[in-house]
Amino acid sequence: MAGYCTGVTVNWRGTAIGEVTEFRVGAGGSLPLARGSAAATSGAWAMDMGTVELASLSTAATTSAMSLSQYGMKGLLSFSGGGLTLTTKAICQTLDISAKVNDVYRFKGIWRIVKE
């Protein structure tokens, strides 16, 4: 069985995700769009500022942070550890839960980074 990262903390919508085996951030996608005439004063937004890919292991069939009910939800995603810190708003775009093998479930998801 694959090992998981130690010293890493990941939270999705306020709930910790344990036994993280993979965490990858890709910046890019769409450029921020301005609301109103000036982006500096009115704020900018974009639905796709990049992606976050996350995989974890669990011995439970579902956890509150990684259940299928999280698909399409928007919330705060935070990561710290391994010299990287990230806190951003994101939308859970893809969620894959693999069947139990050797009493372990594998969860894998992709989140779209959102700028509002």
C-alpha atoms as a PDB file:
ATOM      1  CA  MET A   1       0.000   0.000   0.000  1.00  0.00           C
ATOM      2  CA  ALA A   2       1.219   3.493  -0.789  1.00  0.00           C
ATOM      3  CA  GLY A   3       2.303   5.704   2.072  1.00  0.00           C
ATOM      4  CA  TYR A   4       0.817   9.068   2.852  1.00  0.00           C
ATOM      5  CA  CYS A   5       2.386  12.478   3.470  1.00  0.00           C
ATOM      6  CA  THR A   6       3.370  13.306   7.034  1.00  0.00           C
ATOM      7  CA  GLY A   7       3.379  16.869   8.317  1.00  0.00           C
ATOM      8  CA  VAL A   8       0.709  17.879   5.801  1.00  0.00           C
ATOM      9  CA  THR A   9      -2.604  19.500   6.707  1.00  0.00           C
ATOM     10  CA  VAL A  10      -5.462  19.771   4.197  1.00  0.00           C
ATOM     11  CA  ASN A  11      -8.901  21.207   4.952  1.00  0.00           C
ATOM     12  CA  TRP A  12     -11.937  21.403   2.665  1.00  0.00           C
ATOM     13  CA  ARG A  13     -14.845  23.541   3.853  1.00  0.00           C
ATOM     14  CA  GLY A  14     -13.537  23.378   7.443  1.00  0.00           C
ATOM     15  CA  THR A  15     -13.086  19.584   7.609  1.00  0.00           C
ATOM     16  CA  ALA A  16      -9.651  17.962   7.708  1.00  0.00           C
ATOM     17  CA  ILE A  17      -8.710  15.465   5.006  1.00  0.00           C
ATOM     18  CA  GLY A  18      -6.318  12.845   6.338  1.00  0.00           C
ATOM     19  CA  GLU A  19      -3.732  10.526   4.824  1.00  0.00           C
ATOM     20  CA  VAL A  20      -3.004  12.710   1.787  1.00  0.00           C
ATOM     21  CA  THR A  21      -0.984  10.840  -0.839  1.00  0.00           C
ATOM     22  CA  GLU A  22      -0.877  13.486  -3.569  1.00  0.00           C
ATOM     23  CA  PHE A  23      -1.320  17.261  -3.731  1.00  0.00           C
ATOM     24  CA  ARG A  24      -0.679  19.268  -6.892  1.00  0.00           C
ATOM     25  CA  VAL A  25      -1.483  22.873  -7.809  1.00  0.00           C
ATOM     26  CA  GLY A  26      -1.588  24.148 -11.384  1.00  0.00           C
ATOM     27  CA  ALA A  27      -1.962  27.900 -11.881  1.00  0.00           C
ATOM     28  CA  GLY A  28      -3.541  29.324 -14.980  1.00  0.00           C
ATOM     29  CA  GLY A  29      -6.759  28.956 -16.866  1.00  0.00           C
ATOM     30  CA  SER A  30      -8.779  32.107 -17.358  1.00  0.00           C
ATOM     31  CA  LEU A  31      -7.743  35.665 -16.681  1.00  0.00           C
ATOM     32  CA  PRO A  32      -9.594  37.680 -14.034  1.00  0.00           C
ATOM     33  CA  LEU A  33     -12.502  39.694 -15.417  1.00  0.00           C
ATOM     34  CA  ALA A  34     -13.317  43.145 -14.088  1.00  0.00           C
ATOM     35  CA  ARG A  35     -16.661  44.066 -12.585  1.00  0.00           C
ATOM     36  CA  GLY A  36     -17.478  47.567 -13.656  1.00  0.00           C
ATOM     37  CA  SER A  37     -15.052  49.955 -15.310  1.00  0.00           C
ATOM     38  CA  ALA A  38     -11.942  49.516 -13.158  1.00  0.00           C
ATOM     39  CA  ALA A  39     -10.695  46.175 -11.864  1.00  0.00           C
ATOM     40  CA  ALA A  40      -8.701  47.827  -9.083  1.00  0.00           C
ATOM     41  CA  THR A  41     -11.748  49.473  -7.507  1.00  0.00           C
ATOM     42  CA  SER A  42     -14.544  47.087  -8.426  1.00  0.00           C
ATOM     43  CA  GLY A  43     -12.800  43.750  -7.886  1.00  0.00           C
ATOM     44  CA  ALA A  44     -12.085  41.023 -10.397  1.00  0.00           C
ATOM     45  CA  TRP A  45     -13.397  37.493 -10.650  1.00  0.00           C
ATOM     46  CA  ALA A  46     -12.616  34.315 -12.569  1.00  0.00           C
ATOM     47  CA  MET A  47     -14.069  30.817 -12.433  1.00  0.00           C
ATOM     48  CA  ASP A  48     -10.844  29.078 -13.468  1.00  0.00           C
ATOM     49  CA  MET A  49      -7.628  30.448 -11.979  1.00  0.00           C
ATOM     50  CA  GLY A  50      -6.085  26.974 -11.922  1.00  0.00           C
ATOM     51  CA  THR A  51      -6.620  23.549 -10.428  1.00  0.00           C
ATOM     52  CA  VAL A  52      -5.795  21.639  -7.281  1.00  0.00           C
ATOM     53  CA  GLU A  53      -5.498  17.850  -7.474  1.00  0.00           C
ATOM     54  CA  LEU A  54      -5.698  15.877  -4.257  1.00  0.00           C
ATOM     55  CA  ALA A  55      -5.638  12.180  -3.413  1.00  0.00           C
ATOM     56  CA  SER A  56      -6.063  10.569  -0.006  1.00  0.00           C
ATOM     57  CA  LEU A  57      -6.663   7.227   1.644  1.00  0.00           C
ATOM     58  CA  SER A  58      -9.272   6.238   4.210  1.00  0.00           C
ATOM     59  CA  THR A  59     -10.573   3.142   5.941  1.00  0.00           C
ATOM     60  CA  ALA A  60     -14.109   4.608   6.003  1.00  0.00           C
ATOM     61  CA  ALA A  61     -16.467   4.344   3.040  1.00  0.00           C
ATOM     62  CA  THR A  62     -17.185   8.065   3.248  1.00  0.00           C
ATOM     63  CA  THR A  63     -15.753  10.971   5.143  1.00  0.00           C
ATOM     64  CA  SER A  64     -17.559  14.270   5.479  1.00  0.00           C
ATOM     65  CA  ALA A  65     -14.824  16.070   3.514  1.00  0.00           C
ATOM     66  CA  MET A  66     -14.497  13.601   0.638  1.00  0.00           C
ATOM     67  CA  SER A  67     -17.994  12.221   0.090  1.00  0.00           C
ATOM     68  CA  LEU A  68     -19.789  12.467  -3.259  1.00  0.00           C
ATOM     69  CA  SER A  69     -22.049  15.160  -1.771  1.00  0.00           C
ATOM     70  CA  GLN A  70     -19.104  17.583  -2.118  1.00  0.00           C
ATOM     71  CA  TYR A  71     -19.258  17.465  -5.935  1.00  0.00           C
ATOM     72  CA  GLY A  72     -20.084  20.946  -7.273  1.00  0.00           C
ATOM     73  CA  MET A  73     -19.741  22.595  -3.858  1.00  0.00           C
ATOM     74  CA  LYS A  74     -17.780  25.827  -3.407  1.00  0.00           C
ATOM     75  CA  GLY A  75     -15.735  26.479  -0.293  1.00  0.00           C
ATOM     76  CA  LEU A  76     -12.363  27.218   1.231  1.00  0.00           C
ATOM     77  CA  LEU A  77      -9.554  24.766   0.456  1.00  0.00           C
ATOM     78  CA  SER A  78      -6.348  25.047   2.479  1.00  0.00           C
ATOM     79  CA  PHE A  79      -3.072  23.141   2.429  1.00  0.00           C
ATOM     80  CA  SER A  80       0.079  23.468   4.486  1.00  0.00           C
ATOM     81  CA  GLY A  81       3.192  21.356   4.748  1.00  0.00           C
ATOM     82  CA  GLY A  82       6.224  20.377   2.740  1.00  0.00           C
ATOM     83  CA  GLY A  83       7.213  24.028   2.286  1.00  0.00           C
ATOM     84  CA  LEU A  84       3.921  24.956   0.585  1.00  0.00           C
ATOM     85  CA  THR A  85       0.978  26.901   1.956  1.00  0.00           C
ATOM     86  CA  LEU A  86      -2.206  27.555  -0.003  1.00  0.00           C
ATOM     87  CA  THR A  87      -5.594  28.902   1.041  1.00  0.00           C
ATOM     88  CA  THR A  88      -8.099  29.612  -1.703  1.00  0.00           C
ATOM     89  CA  LYS A  89     -11.750  29.454  -2.679  1.00  0.00           C
ATOM     90  CA  ALA A  90     -12.445  26.478  -4.907  1.00  0.00           C
ATOM     91  CA  ILE A  91     -15.195  24.400  -6.507  1.00  0.00           C
ATOM     92  CA  CYS A  92     -15.054  20.606  -6.304  1.00  0.00           C
ATOM     93  CA  GLN A  93     -15.147  19.689 -10.002  1.00  0.00           C
ATOM     94  CA  THR A  94     -14.276  15.991 -10.023  1.00  0.00           C
ATOM     95  CA  LEU A  95     -14.465  13.424  -7.245  1.00  0.00           C
ATOM     96  CA  ASP A  96     -13.536   9.778  -7.648  1.00  0.00           C
ATOM     97  CA  ILE A  97     -13.902   7.221  -4.861  1.00  0.00           C
ATOM     98  CA  SER A  98     -12.288   3.854  -5.531  1.00  0.00           C
ATOM     99  CA  ALA A  99     -13.592   0.652  -4.007  1.00  0.00           C
ATOM    100  CA  LYS A 100     -12.137  -0.783  -0.839  1.00  0.00           C
ATOM    101  CA  VAL A 101      -8.963  -2.801  -1.389  1.00  0.00           C
ATOM    102  CA  ASN A 102      -7.162  -4.222   1.657  1.00  0.00           C
ATOM    103  CA  ASP A 103      -9.612  -2.309   3.863  1.00  0.00           C
ATOM    104  CA  VAL A 104      -8.627   1.071   2.338  1.00  0.00           C
ATOM    105  CA  TYR A 105     -10.628   3.441   0.097  1.00  0.00           C
ATOM    106  CA  ARG A 106      -8.863   5.860  -2.263  1.00  0.00           C
ATOM    107  CA  PHE A 107     -10.303   9.315  -2.808  1.00  0.00           C
ATOM    108  CA  LYS A 108      -9.159  11.583  -5.643  1.00  0.00           C
ATOM    109  CA  GLY A 109     -10.520  14.981  -6.539  1.00  0.00           C
ATOM    110  CA  ILE A 110      -9.917  18.044  -8.673  1.00  0.00           C
ATOM    111  CA  TRP A 111     -10.879  21.511  -7.481  1.00  0.00           C
ATOM    112  CA  ARG A 112     -11.087  24.619  -9.669  1.00  0.00           C
ATOM    113  CA  ILE A 113      -9.556  27.697  -8.038  1.00  0.00           C
ATOM    114  CA  VAL A 114     -12.045  30.568  -7.984  1.00  0.00           C
ATOM    115  CA  LYS A 115     -11.284  34.281  -7.623  1.00  0.00           C
ATOM    116  CA  GLU A 116     -14.215  36.401  -6.501  1.00  0.00           C
END
